């Protein structure tokens, strides 16, 4: 397994740099991606569409610069401890280069702890952010909740809604 050396601050620039590092690091080896999502349990209503999306993307792009991409997908059953176990299995046994996951914030934070410990990059698809060094190996795709709420409040104020 190859490791990518970068530190993220949670900013858009850091996220772009992390993704660029992942793509540019594909010099002469295949790329292994570990994907964890909720295919069962209460969060599966979000996880199943994520699973369909990543598999559609993989069907469209299965190599980068001649390097084969291997996708290993696991179900966390909407359970954060299973998400963490899956992340550890993908890193230690399957030797993935990067993690993507999971549908729920608690599971994503559990995976991020494993990611930080093993210094394996993770792309988080749930709204789960960790500031500073705790989130150093994660790129979160959704905007942080305070940013989304502030946009809603600003629109409410603009529209004259007071409660």
Protein backbone atom coordinates (compact mmCIF):
# COMPACT_ATOMS: atom_id res chain seq x y z
CA UNK A 1 0.00 0.00 0.00
CA UNK A 2 1.28 3.44 -0.90
CA UNK A 3 0.85 6.27 1.56
CA UNK A 4 0.28 9.85 0.53
CA UNK A 5 2.00 12.50 2.60
CA UNK A 6 -0.14 15.56 3.05
CA UNK A 7 -1.89 17.42 5.82
CA UNK A 8 -5.36 18.83 5.42
CA UNK A 9 -6.81 21.83 7.16
CA UNK A 10 -10.39 21.27 6.07
CA UNK A 11 -10.29 24.13 3.57
CA UNK A 12 -11.35 23.79 -0.05
CA UNK A 13 -7.73 24.35 -1.09
CA UNK A 14 -6.54 21.50 1.11
CA UNK A 15 -9.29 19.25 -0.25
CA UNK A 16 -8.33 20.03 -3.82
CA UNK A 17 -4.68 19.45 -2.97
CA UNK A 18 -5.50 16.09 -1.40
CA UNK A 19 -7.45 14.93 -4.41
CA UNK A 20 -4.72 16.18 -6.73
CA UNK A 21 -2.15 14.31 -4.63
CA UNK A 22 -4.18 11.13 -4.93
CA UNK A 23 -4.44 11.40 -8.70
CA UNK A 24 -0.83 12.49 -9.27
CA UNK A 25 0.52 9.81 -6.92
CA UNK A 26 -0.66 7.14 -9.33
CA UNK A 27 2.76 6.90 -10.91
CA UNK A 28 3.26 3.23 -11.67
CA UNK A 29 0.93 1.24 -9.48
CA UNK A 30 -2.70 0.37 -9.34
CA UNK A 31 -4.96 2.40 -7.07
CA UNK A 32 -7.05 0.65 -4.42
CA UNK A 33 -10.09 2.47 -3.08
CA UNK A 34 -11.94 1.24 -0.01
CA UNK A 35 -15.59 2.32 0.05
CA UNK A 36 -17.81 1.86 3.10
CA UNK A 37 -21.48 2.80 3.14
CA UNK A 38 -24.74 1.79 4.75
CA UNK A 39 -26.42 -0.79 2.55
CA UNK A 40 -28.59 -1.96 5.46
CA UNK A 41 -29.93 -0.42 8.63
CA UNK A 42 -31.52 2.99 9.21
CA UNK A 43 -28.99 4.98 7.15
CA UNK A 44 -29.37 2.73 4.09
CA UNK A 45 -31.81 5.19 2.50
CA UNK A 46 -28.75 7.42 2.00
CA UNK A 47 -26.12 4.67 1.65
CA UNK A 48 -27.75 2.73 -1.17
CA UNK A 49 -27.82 5.74 -3.56
CA UNK A 50 -24.16 6.44 -2.64
CA UNK A 51 -23.34 2.83 -3.51
CA UNK A 52 -25.14 3.12 -6.86
CA UNK A 53 -23.34 6.40 -7.57
CA UNK A 54 -19.83 5.18 -6.83
CA UNK A 55 -20.39 2.01 -8.84
CA UNK A 56 -21.68 4.06 -11.78
CA UNK A 57 -18.62 6.30 -11.52
CA UNK A 58 -16.33 3.29 -11.34
CA UNK A 59 -18.00 1.80 -14.44
CA UNK A 60 -17.25 5.06 -16.24
CA UNK A 61 -13.66 5.55 -14.97
CA UNK A 62 -11.82 2.37 -14.00
CA UNK A 63 -8.28 3.63 -14.60
CA UNK A 64 -6.24 6.80 -14.27
CA UNK A 65 -3.26 7.36 -16.56
CA UNK A 66 -3.18 3.64 -17.37
CA UNK A 67 -3.29 2.61 -13.70
CA UNK A 68 -6.14 0.25 -12.85
CA UNK A 69 -8.52 1.32 -10.08
CA UNK A 70 -9.74 -1.40 -7.74
CA UNK A 71 -12.88 -0.62 -5.74
CA UNK A 72 -13.62 -2.65 -2.62
CA UNK A 73 -17.07 -1.88 -1.18
CA UNK A 74 -18.33 -2.92 2.26
CA UNK A 75 -21.62 -2.48 4.16
CA UNK A 76 -21.38 -0.91 7.63
CA UNK A 77 -25.04 -1.80 8.46
CA UNK A 78 -25.49 1.81 9.69
CA UNK A 79 -23.25 0.98 12.69
CA UNK A 80 -20.26 3.23 13.54
CA UNK A 81 -18.28 0.37 15.11
CA UNK A 82 -18.74 -1.70 11.95
CA UNK A 83 -17.68 1.30 9.86
CA UNK A 84 -14.45 1.54 11.90
CA UNK A 85 -13.84 -2.23 11.64
CA UNK A 86 -14.40 -2.07 7.88
CA UNK A 87 -11.98 0.86 7.56
CA UNK A 88 -9.31 -1.05 9.49
CA UNK A 89 -9.87 -4.20 7.39
CA UNK A 90 -9.62 -2.21 4.15
CA UNK A 91 -6.38 -0.55 5.28
CA UNK A 92 -4.62 -3.46 6.98
CA UNK A 93 -5.82 -6.47 4.98
CA UNK A 94 -6.83 -5.08 1.59
CA UNK A 95 -4.06 -2.43 1.57
CA UNK A 96 -6.21 0.36 0.13
CA UNK A 97 -4.65 3.69 -0.77
CA UNK A 98 -7.68 5.80 0.17
CA UNK A 99 -11.00 5.39 1.98
CA UNK A 100 -14.38 6.81 0.99
CA UNK A 101 -17.30 6.70 3.40
CA UNK A 102 -19.78 6.50 4.92
CA UNK A 103 -23.44 7.58 4.66
CA UNK A 104 -23.85 8.62 8.32
CA UNK A 105 -21.84 11.16 10.32
CA UNK A 106 -21.18 8.85 13.31
CA UNK A 107 -19.77 6.14 11.03
CA UNK A 108 -17.71 8.70 9.12
CA UNK A 109 -16.17 10.01 12.34
CA UNK A 110 -15.38 6.43 13.41
CA UNK A 111 -13.68 5.82 10.05
CA UNK A 112 -11.82 9.14 10.34
CA UNK A 113 -10.31 8.00 13.65
CA UNK A 114 -8.89 4.91 11.92
CA UNK A 115 -7.78 7.07 9.01
CA UNK A 116 -5.92 9.44 11.33
CA UNK A 117 -4.30 6.59 13.25
CA UNK A 118 -3.06 4.84 10.09
CA UNK A 119 -2.37 8.05 8.13
CA UNK A 120 -4.63 6.90 5.31
CA UNK A 121 -6.57 9.59 3.43
CA UNK A 122 -10.35 9.48 3.70
CA UNK A 123 -12.95 11.27 1.61
CA UNK A 124 -15.99 11.72 3.86
CA UNK A 125 -19.36 11.80 2.12
CA UNK A 126 -21.45 12.57 5.23
CA UNK A 127 -21.60 15.92 6.98
CA UNK A 128 -18.82 15.15 9.49
CA UNK A 129 -15.97 17.56 10.06
CA UNK A 130 -13.11 17.44 12.53
CA UNK A 131 -11.06 20.62 13.05
CA UNK A 132 -7.29 20.81 13.27
CA UNK A 133 -5.06 17.75 13.63
CA UNK A 134 -8.03 15.43 14.30
CA UNK A 135 -9.20 15.97 10.74
CA UNK A 136 -5.76 16.03 9.16
CA UNK A 137 -6.34 13.00 6.93
CA UNK A 138 -9.92 13.73 5.91
CA UNK A 139 -11.58 15.67 3.13
CA UNK A 140 -15.28 16.26 3.76
CA UNK A 141 -17.42 16.66 0.67
CA UNK A 142 -20.58 18.32 2.16
CA UNK A 143 -20.37 21.81 3.59
CA UNK A 144 -20.18 22.05 7.39
CA UNK A 145 -23.58 22.31 9.10
CA UNK A 146 -22.97 25.86 10.44
CA UNK A 147 -22.32 27.08 6.89
CA UNK A 148 -25.52 25.49 5.59
CA UNK A 149 -27.62 26.79 8.50
CA UNK A 150 -26.22 30.31 8.14
CA UNK A 151 -27.31 30.35 4.48
CA UNK A 152 -30.84 29.31 5.48
CA UNK A 153 -30.98 31.96 8.23
CA UNK A 154 -29.70 34.64 5.82
CA UNK A 155 -32.42 33.72 3.32
CA UNK A 156 -35.06 33.81 6.08
CA UNK A 157 -33.92 37.30 7.11
CA UNK A 158 -33.92 38.47 3.50
CA UNK A 159 -37.49 37.19 3.10
CA UNK A 160 -38.64 38.85 6.31
CA UNK A 161 -39.27 35.60 8.20
CA UNK A 162 -38.86 36.27 11.91
CA UNK A 163 -39.52 32.85 13.43
